[in-house]
Amino acid sequence: MDMTIHPTALIDPQARIDDNVAIGPYSVIGSNAIIGAGCEIGSHVFLDHAKLSRGCKVGSHTAIGSDPQIYDWKQVESWVEIGAGTIVNELTAIHRSMYEGKATIIGAGCYIMTQTHVGHDCKLGEGVTVTTLAGLSGHIEIGDNAVIGGAAGIHQFVRIGEMAMVGGMSRVVQDVAPYFMVAGVPAKARGLNSYAFKKYGTPPQERKNLKKAYRLLVRSKLSLSGAMKKIADDIPVEGAVARLVDFVREAKGGVTL
């Protein structure tokens, strides 16, 4: 097994470490850690109750798999799972699930910037970016390729849809629909994420239909139910529009408009 482990790192003998892993000075790897091939672990990292897929990078002074921050929580076997190629930068905390046999999940190809917090039982899709000082409370769900701006605060149980963008220093207390850009205290809809449309190749007709749906949801004077009916009557509910409509229908605590 080809590994580079600094002599000051503390590795529990029960930890499962794959080939070509590097572990920096003074890091602590617990008995319930699984580290995939090609991962790089910086200095002073705490890693336990965590499963890292291949090619992940973890910055210094980061804690992954710490106990959830819950009063009177009783110890159970739970995890953090991090997908392949994800980068977690320094001074970040990612807490494991509060539930027996469950996991806080970070998808593949995510980029978690420095000094961020991902609370217990969050589920991040693939390609998510979480910017410096953002705070994700427990049970948050974030769709693929969404972006969370710096110092944004996201309330418990909020869902953020695919390719959505949350502006820096925003306070988000309701779901953010796919493709929406929101910002403010409290956050409000500010438009559609046209940058993501270009980056991920959203077809022109889908963009056009999404713009129509956005205007009905946000800029018309219709109620939410009225806007949803108008979308169903006037716009082909397929592809990205169908995903938007389904997301809004499933919202339990309201949608940021």
C-alpha atoms as a PDB file:
ATOM      1  CA  MET A   1       0.000   0.000   0.000  1.00  0.00           C
ATOM      2  CA  ASP A   2       1.568   3.291  -1.135  1.00  0.00           C
ATOM      3  CA  MET A   3       0.731   5.958   1.458  1.00  0.00           C
ATOM      4  CA  THR A   4       2.356   9.116   2.790  1.00  0.00           C
ATOM      5  CA  ILE A   5       1.511   9.493   6.474  1.00  0.00           C
ATOM      6  CA  HIS A   6       3.270  12.051   8.615  1.00  0.00           C
ATOM      7  CA  PRO A   7       4.818  10.469  11.703  1.00  0.00           C
ATOM      8  CA  THR A   8       2.846  12.753  14.043  1.00  0.00           C
ATOM      9  CA  ALA A   9      -0.538  11.682  12.629  1.00  0.00           C
ATOM     10  CA  LEU A  10      -2.582   9.381  14.884  1.00  0.00           C
ATOM     11  CA  ILE A  11      -4.200   6.569  12.877  1.00  0.00           C
ATOM     12  CA  ASP A  12      -6.460   4.038  14.567  1.00  0.00           C
ATOM     13  CA  PRO A  13      -5.486   0.547  13.411  1.00  0.00           C
ATOM     14  CA  GLN A  14      -9.113  -0.198  12.535  1.00  0.00           C
ATOM     15  CA  ALA A  15      -9.350   2.722  10.088  1.00  0.00           C
ATOM     16  CA  ARG A  16      -9.618   1.582   6.480  1.00  0.00           C
ATOM     17  CA  ILE A  17      -7.237   3.512   4.264  1.00  0.00           C
ATOM     18  CA  ASP A  18      -6.854   2.788   0.557  1.00  0.00           C
ATOM     19  CA  ASP A  19      -3.835   3.231  -1.723  1.00  0.00           C
ATOM     20  CA  ASN A  20      -2.056   6.508  -2.483  1.00  0.00           C
ATOM     21  CA  VAL A  21      -3.438   8.413   0.496  1.00  0.00           C
ATOM     22  CA  ALA A  22      -1.573  11.324   2.078  1.00  0.00           C
ATOM     23  CA  ILE A  23      -2.213  12.326   5.709  1.00  0.00           C
ATOM     24  CA  GLY A  24      -0.619  15.459   7.169  1.00  0.00           C
ATOM     25  CA  PRO A  25       0.908  16.294  10.547  1.00  0.00           C
ATOM     26  CA  TYR A  26      -1.084  15.897  13.767  1.00  0.00           C
ATOM     27  CA  SER A  27      -4.234  14.615  12.066  1.00  0.00           C
ATOM     28  CA  VAL A  28      -6.413  12.141  13.968  1.00  0.00           C
ATOM     29  CA  ILE A  29      -8.055   9.335  12.009  1.00  0.00           C
ATOM     30  CA  GLY A  30     -10.552   7.330  14.053  1.00  0.00           C
ATOM     31  CA  SER A  31     -11.535   3.690  13.976  1.00  0.00           C
ATOM     32  CA  ASN A  32     -14.689   4.385  11.954  1.00  0.00           C
ATOM     33  CA  ALA A  33     -12.936   6.226   9.124  1.00  0.00           C
ATOM     34  CA  ILE A  34     -12.856   4.915   5.545  1.00  0.00           C
ATOM     35  CA  ILE A  35     -10.563   6.843   3.203  1.00  0.00           C
ATOM     36  CA  GLY A  36     -10.624   6.104  -0.531  1.00  0.00           C
ATOM     37  CA  ALA A  37      -7.701   5.926  -2.939  1.00  0.00           C
ATOM     38  CA  GLY A  38      -5.873   9.126  -3.753  1.00  0.00           C
ATOM     39  CA  CYS A  39      -7.336  11.215  -0.924  1.00  0.00           C
ATOM     40  CA  GLU A  40      -5.260  13.999   0.609  1.00  0.00           C
ATOM     41  CA  ILE A  41      -5.796  14.840   4.269  1.00  0.00           C
ATOM     42  CA  GLY A  42      -4.163  18.039   5.541  1.00  0.00           C
ATOM     43  CA  SER A  43      -2.681  18.759   8.936  1.00  0.00           C
ATOM     44  CA  HIS A  44      -4.626  18.821  12.223  1.00  0.00           C
ATOM     45  CA  VAL A  45      -7.686  17.135  10.667  1.00  0.00           C
ATOM     46  CA  PHE A  46     -10.161  15.124  12.738  1.00  0.00           C
ATOM     47  CA  LEU A  47     -11.808  12.339  10.734  1.00  0.00           C
ATOM     48  CA  ASP A  48     -14.033   9.611  12.162  1.00  0.00           C
ATOM     49  CA  HIS A  49     -17.466   8.151  11.433  1.00  0.00           C
ATOM     50  CA  ALA A  50     -16.764   9.198   7.854  1.00  0.00           C
ATOM     51  CA  LYS A  51     -16.490   7.585   4.437  1.00  0.00           C
ATOM     52  CA  LEU A  52     -14.452   9.472   1.836  1.00  0.00           C
ATOM     53  CA  SER A  53     -14.616   8.279  -1.768  1.00  0.00           C
ATOM     54  CA  ARG A  54     -11.562   8.408  -4.015  1.00  0.00           C
ATOM     55  CA  GLY A  55      -9.726  11.634  -4.757  1.00  0.00           C
ATOM     56  CA  CYS A  56     -11.115  13.810  -1.968  1.00  0.00           C
ATOM     57  CA  LYS A  57      -9.058  16.615  -0.443  1.00  0.00           C
ATOM     58  CA  VAL A  58      -9.499  17.825   3.134  1.00  0.00           C
ATOM     59  CA  GLY A  59      -7.881  21.056   4.325  1.00  0.00           C
ATOM     60  CA  SER A  60      -6.144  21.614   7.629  1.00  0.00           C
ATOM     61  CA  HIS A  61      -7.980  22.024  10.937  1.00  0.00           C
ATOM     62  CA  THR A  62     -11.162  20.481   9.523  1.00  0.00           C
ATOM     63  CA  ALA A  63     -13.456  18.148  11.471  1.00  0.00           C
ATOM     64  CA  ILE A  64     -15.490  15.544   9.580  1.00  0.00           C
ATOM     65  CA  GLY A  65     -17.761  13.119  11.403  1.00  0.00           C
ATOM     66  CA  SER A  66     -18.020  14.971  14.704  1.00  0.00           C
ATOM     67  CA  ASP A  67     -21.107  14.407  16.844  1.00  0.00           C
ATOM     68  CA  PRO A  68     -24.217  16.341  15.791  1.00  0.00           C
ATOM     69  CA  GLN A  69     -24.785  19.517  17.767  1.00  0.00           C
ATOM     70  CA  ILE A  70     -27.916  18.467  19.630  1.00  0.00           C
ATOM     71  CA  TYR A  71     -28.684  18.781  23.322  1.00  0.00           C
ATOM     72  CA  ASP A  72     -28.898  15.406  25.081  1.00  0.00           C
ATOM     73  CA  TRP A  73     -28.007  13.482  21.913  1.00  0.00           C
ATOM     74  CA  LYS A  74     -27.353   9.812  22.589  1.00  0.00           C
ATOM     75  CA  GLN A  75     -24.533   8.076  20.740  1.00  0.00           C
ATOM     76  CA  VAL A  76     -25.566   6.007  17.709  1.00  0.00           C
ATOM     77  CA  GLU A  77     -23.657   4.574  14.776  1.00  0.00           C
ATOM     78  CA  SER A  78     -23.937   7.200  12.032  1.00  0.00           C
ATOM     79  CA  TRP A  79     -21.768   8.679   9.298  1.00  0.00           C
ATOM     80  CA  VAL A  80     -20.659  11.416   6.992  1.00  0.00           C
ATOM     81  CA  GLU A  81     -20.376  10.250   3.378  1.00  0.00           C
ATOM     82  CA  ILE A  82     -18.373  12.328   0.892  1.00  0.00           C
ATOM     83  CA  GLY A  83     -18.403  11.645  -2.853  1.00  0.00           C
ATOM     84  CA  ALA A  84     -15.449  11.292  -5.188  1.00  0.00           C
ATOM     85  CA  GLY A  85     -13.329  14.318  -5.959  1.00  0.00           C
ATOM     86  CA  THR A  86     -14.920  16.611  -3.408  1.00  0.00           C
ATOM     87  CA  ILE A  87     -12.724  19.310  -1.869  1.00  0.00           C
ATOM     88  CA  VAL A  88     -13.295  20.388   1.732  1.00  0.00           C
ATOM     89  CA  ASN A  89     -11.145  23.358   2.625  1.00  0.00           C
ATOM     90  CA  GLU A  90      -9.636  24.298   5.961  1.00  0.00           C
ATOM     91  CA  LEU A  91     -11.433  25.084   9.222  1.00  0.00           C
ATOM     92  CA  THR A  92     -14.652  23.398   8.134  1.00  0.00           C
ATOM     93  CA  ALA A  93     -16.983  21.257  10.261  1.00  0.00           C
ATOM     94  CA  ILE A  94     -19.232  18.524   8.840  1.00  0.00           C
ATOM     95  CA  HIS A  95     -21.329  16.701  11.451  1.00  0.00           C
ATOM     96  CA  ARG A  96     -22.581  13.143  11.210  1.00  0.00           C
ATOM     97  CA  SER A  97     -26.242  12.130  11.252  1.00  0.00           C
ATOM     98  CA  MET A  98     -28.253  12.134  14.453  1.00  0.00           C
ATOM     99  CA  TYR A  99     -29.978   8.893  13.439  1.00  0.00           C
ATOM    100  CA  GLU A 100     -28.878   5.281  13.764  1.00  0.00           C
ATOM    101  CA  GLY A 101     -27.472   3.993  10.474  1.00  0.00           C
ATOM    102  CA  LYS A 102     -27.996   7.291   8.622  1.00  0.00           C
ATOM    103  CA  ALA A 103     -25.522   9.718   7.052  1.00  0.00           C
ATOM    104  CA  THR A 104     -24.872  13.351   6.336  1.00  0.00           C
ATOM    105  CA  ILE A 105     -24.136  13.261   2.610  1.00  0.00           C
ATOM    106  CA  ILE A 106     -21.871  15.410   0.447  1.00  0.00           C
ATOM    107  CA  GLY A 107     -22.077  14.442  -3.233  1.00  0.00           C
ATOM    108  CA  ALA A 108     -19.262  13.984  -5.720  1.00  0.00           C
ATOM    109  CA  GLY A 109     -17.377  16.962  -7.093  1.00  0.00           C
ATOM    110  CA  CYS A 110     -18.478  19.439  -4.447  1.00  0.00           C
ATOM    111  CA  TYR A 111     -16.342  22.397  -3.399  1.00  0.00           C
ATOM    112  CA  ILE A 112     -16.658  23.349   0.264  1.00  0.00           C
ATOM    113  CA  MET A 113     -14.744  26.537   0.996  1.00  0.00           C
ATOM    114  CA  THR A 114     -12.980  27.497   4.188  1.00  0.00           C
ATOM    115  CA  GLN A 115     -14.721  28.032   7.538  1.00  0.00           C
ATOM    116  CA  THR A 116     -18.065  26.581   6.546  1.00  0.00           C
ATOM    117  CA  HIS A 117     -20.438  24.484   8.624  1.00  0.00           C
ATOM    118  CA  VAL A 118     -22.522  21.572   7.346  1.00  0.00           C
ATOM    119  CA  GLY A 119     -24.931  20.405  10.019  1.00  0.00           C
ATOM    120  CA  HIS A 120     -26.134  16.911  10.739  1.00  0.00           C
ATOM    121  CA  ASP A 121     -28.306  15.098   8.186  1.00  0.00           C
ATOM    122  CA  CYS A 122     -27.704  17.576   5.387  1.00  0.00           C
ATOM    123  CA  LYS A 123     -27.774  16.121   1.885  1.00  0.00           C
ATOM    124  CA  LEU A 124     -25.774  17.918  -0.801  1.00  0.00           C
ATOM    125  CA  GLY A 125     -26.002  16.769  -4.415  1.00  0.00           C
ATOM    126  CA  GLU A 126     -23.158  16.668  -6.902  1.00  0.00           C
ATOM    127  CA  GLY A 127     -21.165  19.742  -7.883  1.00  0.00           C
ATOM    128  CA  VAL A 128     -22.440  21.932  -5.048  1.00  0.00           C
ATOM    129  CA  THR A 129     -20.353  24.962  -4.029  1.00  0.00           C
ATOM    130  CA  VAL A 130     -20.554  26.223  -0.448  1.00  0.00           C
ATOM    131  CA  THR A 131     -18.705  29.511  -0.007  1.00  0.00           C
ATOM    132  CA  THR A 132     -16.654  30.742   2.946  1.00  0.00           C
ATOM    133  CA  LEU A 133     -18.485  31.244   6.272  1.00  0.00           C
ATOM    134  CA  ALA A 134     -21.773  29.793   5.032  1.00  0.00           C
ATOM    135  CA  GLY A 135     -23.761  27.956   7.688  1.00  0.00           C
ATOM    136  CA  LEU A 136     -26.015  25.009   6.856  1.00  0.00           C
ATOM    137  CA  SER A 137     -28.280  23.990   9.708  1.00  0.00           C
ATOM    138  CA  GLY A 138     -29.440  20.402  10.122  1.00  0.00           C
ATOM    139  CA  HIS A 139     -31.528  18.469   7.579  1.00  0.00           C
ATOM    140  CA  ILE A 140     -30.929  20.829   4.655  1.00  0.00           C
ATOM    141  CA  GLU A 141     -31.133  19.414   1.125  1.00  0.00           C
ATOM    142  CA  ILE A 142     -29.216  21.042  -1.741  1.00  0.00           C
ATOM    143  CA  GLY A 143     -29.614  19.985  -5.378  1.00  0.00           C
ATOM    144  CA  ASP A 144     -26.891  19.377  -7.952  1.00  0.00           C
ATOM    145  CA  ASN A 145     -24.717  22.314  -9.023  1.00  0.00           C
ATOM    146  CA  ALA A 146     -26.261  24.804  -6.599  1.00  0.00           C
ATOM    147  CA  VAL A 147     -24.153  27.623  -5.121  1.00  0.00           C
ATOM    148  CA  ILE A 148     -24.368  28.935  -1.549  1.00  0.00           C
ATOM    149  CA  GLY A 149     -22.821  32.395  -1.162  1.00  0.00           C
ATOM    150  CA  GLY A 150     -20.416  33.515   1.541  1.00  0.00           C
ATOM    151  CA  ALA A 151     -21.765  33.934   5.072  1.00  0.00           C
ATOM    152  CA  ALA A 152     -25.245  32.822   4.024  1.00  0.00           C
ATOM    153  CA  GLY A 153     -27.347  31.243   6.757  1.00  0.00           C
ATOM    154  CA  ILE A 154     -29.747  28.448   5.814  1.00  0.00           C
ATOM    155  CA  HIS A 155     -32.506  27.413   8.205  1.00  0.00           C
ATOM    156  CA  GLN A 156     -33.153  23.813   9.232  1.00  0.00           C
ATOM    157  CA  PHE A 157     -35.075  21.588   6.788  1.00  0.00           C
ATOM    158  CA  VAL A 158     -34.834  24.090   3.927  1.00  0.00           C
ATOM    159  CA  ARG A 159     -34.461  22.611   0.430  1.00  0.00           C
ATOM    160  CA  ILE A 160     -32.427  24.345  -2.256  1.00  0.00           C
ATOM    161  CA  GLY A 161     -33.058  23.170  -5.791  1.00  0.00           C
ATOM    162  CA  GLU A 162     -30.608  22.217  -8.505  1.00  0.00           C
ATOM    163  CA  MET A 163     -28.607  25.053 -10.108  1.00  0.00           C
ATOM    164  CA  ALA A 164     -30.016  27.570  -7.631  1.00  0.00           C
ATOM    165  CA  MET A 165     -27.822  30.337  -6.243  1.00  0.00           C
ATOM    166  CA  VAL A 166     -28.037  31.879  -2.768  1.00  0.00           C
ATOM    167  CA  GLY A 167     -26.410  35.293  -2.482  1.00  0.00           C
ATOM    168  CA  GLY A 168     -23.776  36.094   0.112  1.00  0.00           C
ATOM    169  CA  MET A 169     -24.942  37.028   3.630  1.00  0.00           C
ATOM    170  CA  SER A 170     -28.503  35.950   2.866  1.00  0.00           C
ATOM    171  CA  ARG A 171     -30.893  34.557   5.456  1.00  0.00           C
ATOM    172  CA  VAL A 172     -32.853  31.689   3.910  1.00  0.00           C
ATOM    173  CA  VAL A 173     -35.860  30.392   5.852  1.00  0.00           C
ATOM    174  CA  GLN A 174     -37.941  28.908   3.016  1.00  0.00           C
ATOM    175  CA  ASP A 175     -37.187  26.555   0.133  1.00  0.00           C
ATOM    176  CA  VAL A 176     -35.297  27.951  -2.863  1.00  0.00           C
ATOM    177  CA  ALA A 177     -36.683  26.691  -6.160  1.00  0.00           C
ATOM    178  CA  PRO A 178     -34.410  25.156  -8.799  1.00  0.00           C
ATOM    179  CA  TYR A 179     -32.661  27.683 -11.076  1.00  0.00           C
ATOM    180  CA  PHE A 180     -33.638  30.646  -8.856  1.00  0.00           C
ATOM    181  CA  MET A 181     -31.218  33.264  -7.587  1.00  0.00           C
ATOM    182  CA  VAL A 182     -32.147  34.571  -4.137  1.00  0.00           C
ATOM    183  CA  ALA A 183     -30.519  37.130  -1.879  1.00  0.00           C
ATOM    184  CA  GLY A 184     -31.293  39.369   1.064  1.00  0.00           C
ATOM    185  CA  VAL A 185     -32.337  39.351   4.712  1.00  0.00           C
ATOM    186  CA  PRO A 186     -34.727  37.653   4.476  1.00  0.00           C
ATOM    187  CA  ALA A 187     -33.900  36.217   1.067  1.00  0.00           C
ATOM    188  CA  LYS A 188     -36.104  37.068  -1.895  1.00  0.00           C
ATOM    189  CA  ALA A 189     -36.089  35.885  -5.509  1.00  0.00           C
ATOM    190  CA  ARG A 190     -33.838  38.062  -7.672  1.00  0.00           C
ATOM    191  CA  GLY A 191     -33.965  36.273 -11.022  1.00  0.00           C
ATOM    192  CA  LEU A 192     -32.870  33.063 -12.696  1.00  0.00           C
ATOM    193  CA  ASN A 193     -29.347  31.672 -12.629  1.00  0.00           C
ATOM    194  CA  SER A 194     -28.450  32.378 -16.241  1.00  0.00           C
ATOM    195  CA  TYR A 195     -24.773  31.676 -15.565  1.00  0.00           C
ATOM    196  CA  ALA A 196     -25.662  28.090 -14.643  1.00  0.00           C
ATOM    197  CA  PHE A 197     -27.792  27.768 -17.785  1.00  0.00           C
ATOM    198  CA  LYS A 198     -24.735  28.569 -19.878  1.00  0.00           C
ATOM    199  CA  LYS A 199     -22.326  26.480 -17.809  1.00  0.00           C
ATOM    200  CA  TYR A 200     -24.461  23.340 -17.845  1.00  0.00           C
ATOM    201  CA  GLY A 201     -25.981  23.724 -21.295  1.00  0.00           C
ATOM    202  CA  THR A 202     -29.647  24.282 -20.546  1.00  0.00           C
ATOM    203  CA  PRO A 203     -31.409  24.261 -23.962  1.00  0.00           C
ATOM    204  CA  PRO A 204     -32.702  27.652 -25.200  1.00  0.00           C
ATOM    205  CA  GLN A 205     -36.349  26.575 -25.208  1.00  0.00           C
ATOM    206  CA  GLU A 206     -36.114  25.357 -21.630  1.00  0.00           C
ATOM    207  CA  ARG A 207     -34.602  28.707 -20.635  1.00  0.00           C
ATOM    208  CA  LYS A 208     -37.482  30.513 -22.324  1.00  0.00           C
ATOM    209  CA  ASN A 209     -40.063  28.355 -20.564  1.00  0.00           C
ATOM    210  CA  LEU A 210     -38.344  28.793 -17.219  1.00  0.00           C
ATOM    211  CA  LYS A 211     -38.407  32.565 -17.640  1.00  0.00           C
ATOM    212  CA  LYS A 212     -42.158  32.424 -18.268  1.00  0.00           C
ATOM    213  CA  ALA A 213     -42.660  30.249 -15.202  1.00  0.00           C
ATOM    214  CA  TYR A 214     -40.494  32.566 -13.089  1.00  0.00           C
ATOM    215  CA  ARG A 215     -42.494  35.634 -14.104  1.00  0.00           C
ATOM    216  CA  LEU A 216     -45.732  33.910 -13.158  1.00  0.00           C
ATOM    217  CA  LEU A 217     -44.420  32.718  -9.792  1.00  0.00           C
ATOM    218  CA  VAL A 218     -42.599  35.888  -8.759  1.00  0.00           C
ATOM    219  CA  ARG A 219     -43.751  38.929 -10.720  1.00  0.00           C
ATOM    220  CA  SER A 220     -47.440  38.309 -11.342  1.00  0.00           C
ATOM    221  CA  LYS A 221     -50.030  39.190  -8.741  1.00  0.00           C
ATOM    222  CA  LEU A 222     -51.347  35.644  -8.757  1.00  0.00           C
ATOM    223  CA  SER A 223     -51.382  33.492  -5.656  1.00  0.00           C
ATOM    224  CA  LEU A 224     -48.946  30.594  -5.637  1.00  0.00           C
ATOM    225  CA  SER A 225     -51.702  28.136  -6.497  1.00  0.00           C
ATOM    226  CA  GLY A 226     -52.957  30.467  -9.214  1.00  0.00           C
ATOM    227  CA  ALA A 227     -49.483  30.832 -10.693  1.00  0.00           C
ATOM    228  CA  MET A 228     -49.010  27.069 -10.674  1.00  0.00           C
ATOM    229  CA  LYS A 229     -52.294  26.599 -12.525  1.00  0.00           C
ATOM    230  CA  LYS A 230     -51.320  29.236 -15.078  1.00  0.00           C
ATOM    231  CA  ILE A 231     -47.972  27.493 -15.642  1.00  0.00           C
ATOM    232  CA  ALA A 232     -49.756  24.197 -16.236  1.00  0.00           C
ATOM    233  CA  ASP A 233     -52.161  25.878 -18.700  1.00  0.00           C
ATOM    234  CA  ASP A 234     -49.675  28.026 -20.628  1.00  0.00           C
ATOM    235  CA  ILE A 235     -46.247  26.358 -20.520  1.00  0.00           C
ATOM    236  CA  PRO A 236     -45.182  22.816 -21.490  1.00  0.00           C
ATOM    237  CA  VAL A 237     -44.546  21.139 -18.138  1.00  0.00           C
ATOM    238  CA  GLU A 238     -41.556  19.049 -19.142  1.00  0.00           C
ATOM    239  CA  GLY A 239     -37.819  18.957 -18.502  1.00  0.00           C
ATOM    240  CA  ALA A 240     -36.588  21.779 -16.277  1.00  0.00           C
ATOM    241  CA  VAL A 241     -40.082  23.282 -15.914  1.00  0.00           C
ATOM    242  CA  ALA A 242     -41.424  19.944 -14.681  1.00  0.00           C
ATOM    243  CA  ARG A 243     -38.640  19.761 -12.093  1.00  0.00           C
ATOM    244  CA  LEU A 244     -39.412  23.317 -10.983  1.00  0.00           C
ATOM    245  CA  VAL A 245     -43.149  22.597 -10.690  1.00  0.00           C
ATOM    246  CA  ASP A 246     -42.588  19.358  -8.772  1.00  0.00           C
ATOM    247  CA  PHE A 247     -40.227  21.105  -6.364  1.00  0.00           C
ATOM    248  CA  VAL A 248     -42.692  23.903  -5.615  1.00  0.00           C
ATOM    249  CA  ARG A 249     -45.543  21.419  -5.109  1.00  0.00           C
ATOM    250  CA  GLU A 250     -43.473  19.454  -2.604  1.00  0.00           C
ATOM    251  CA  ALA A 251     -42.526  22.515  -0.520  1.00  0.00           C
ATOM    252  CA  LYS A 252     -43.809  22.191   3.045  1.00  0.00           C
ATOM    253  CA  GLY A 253     -42.613  25.441   4.563  1.00  0.00           C
ATOM    254  CA  GLY A 254     -43.120  27.813   1.654  1.00  0.00           C
ATOM    255  CA  VAL A 255     -40.944  28.928  -1.261  1.00  0.00           C
ATOM    256  CA  THR A 256     -38.671  31.970  -1.428  1.00  0.00           C
ATOM    257  CA  LEU A 257     -40.366  34.333  -3.910  1.00  0.00           C
END
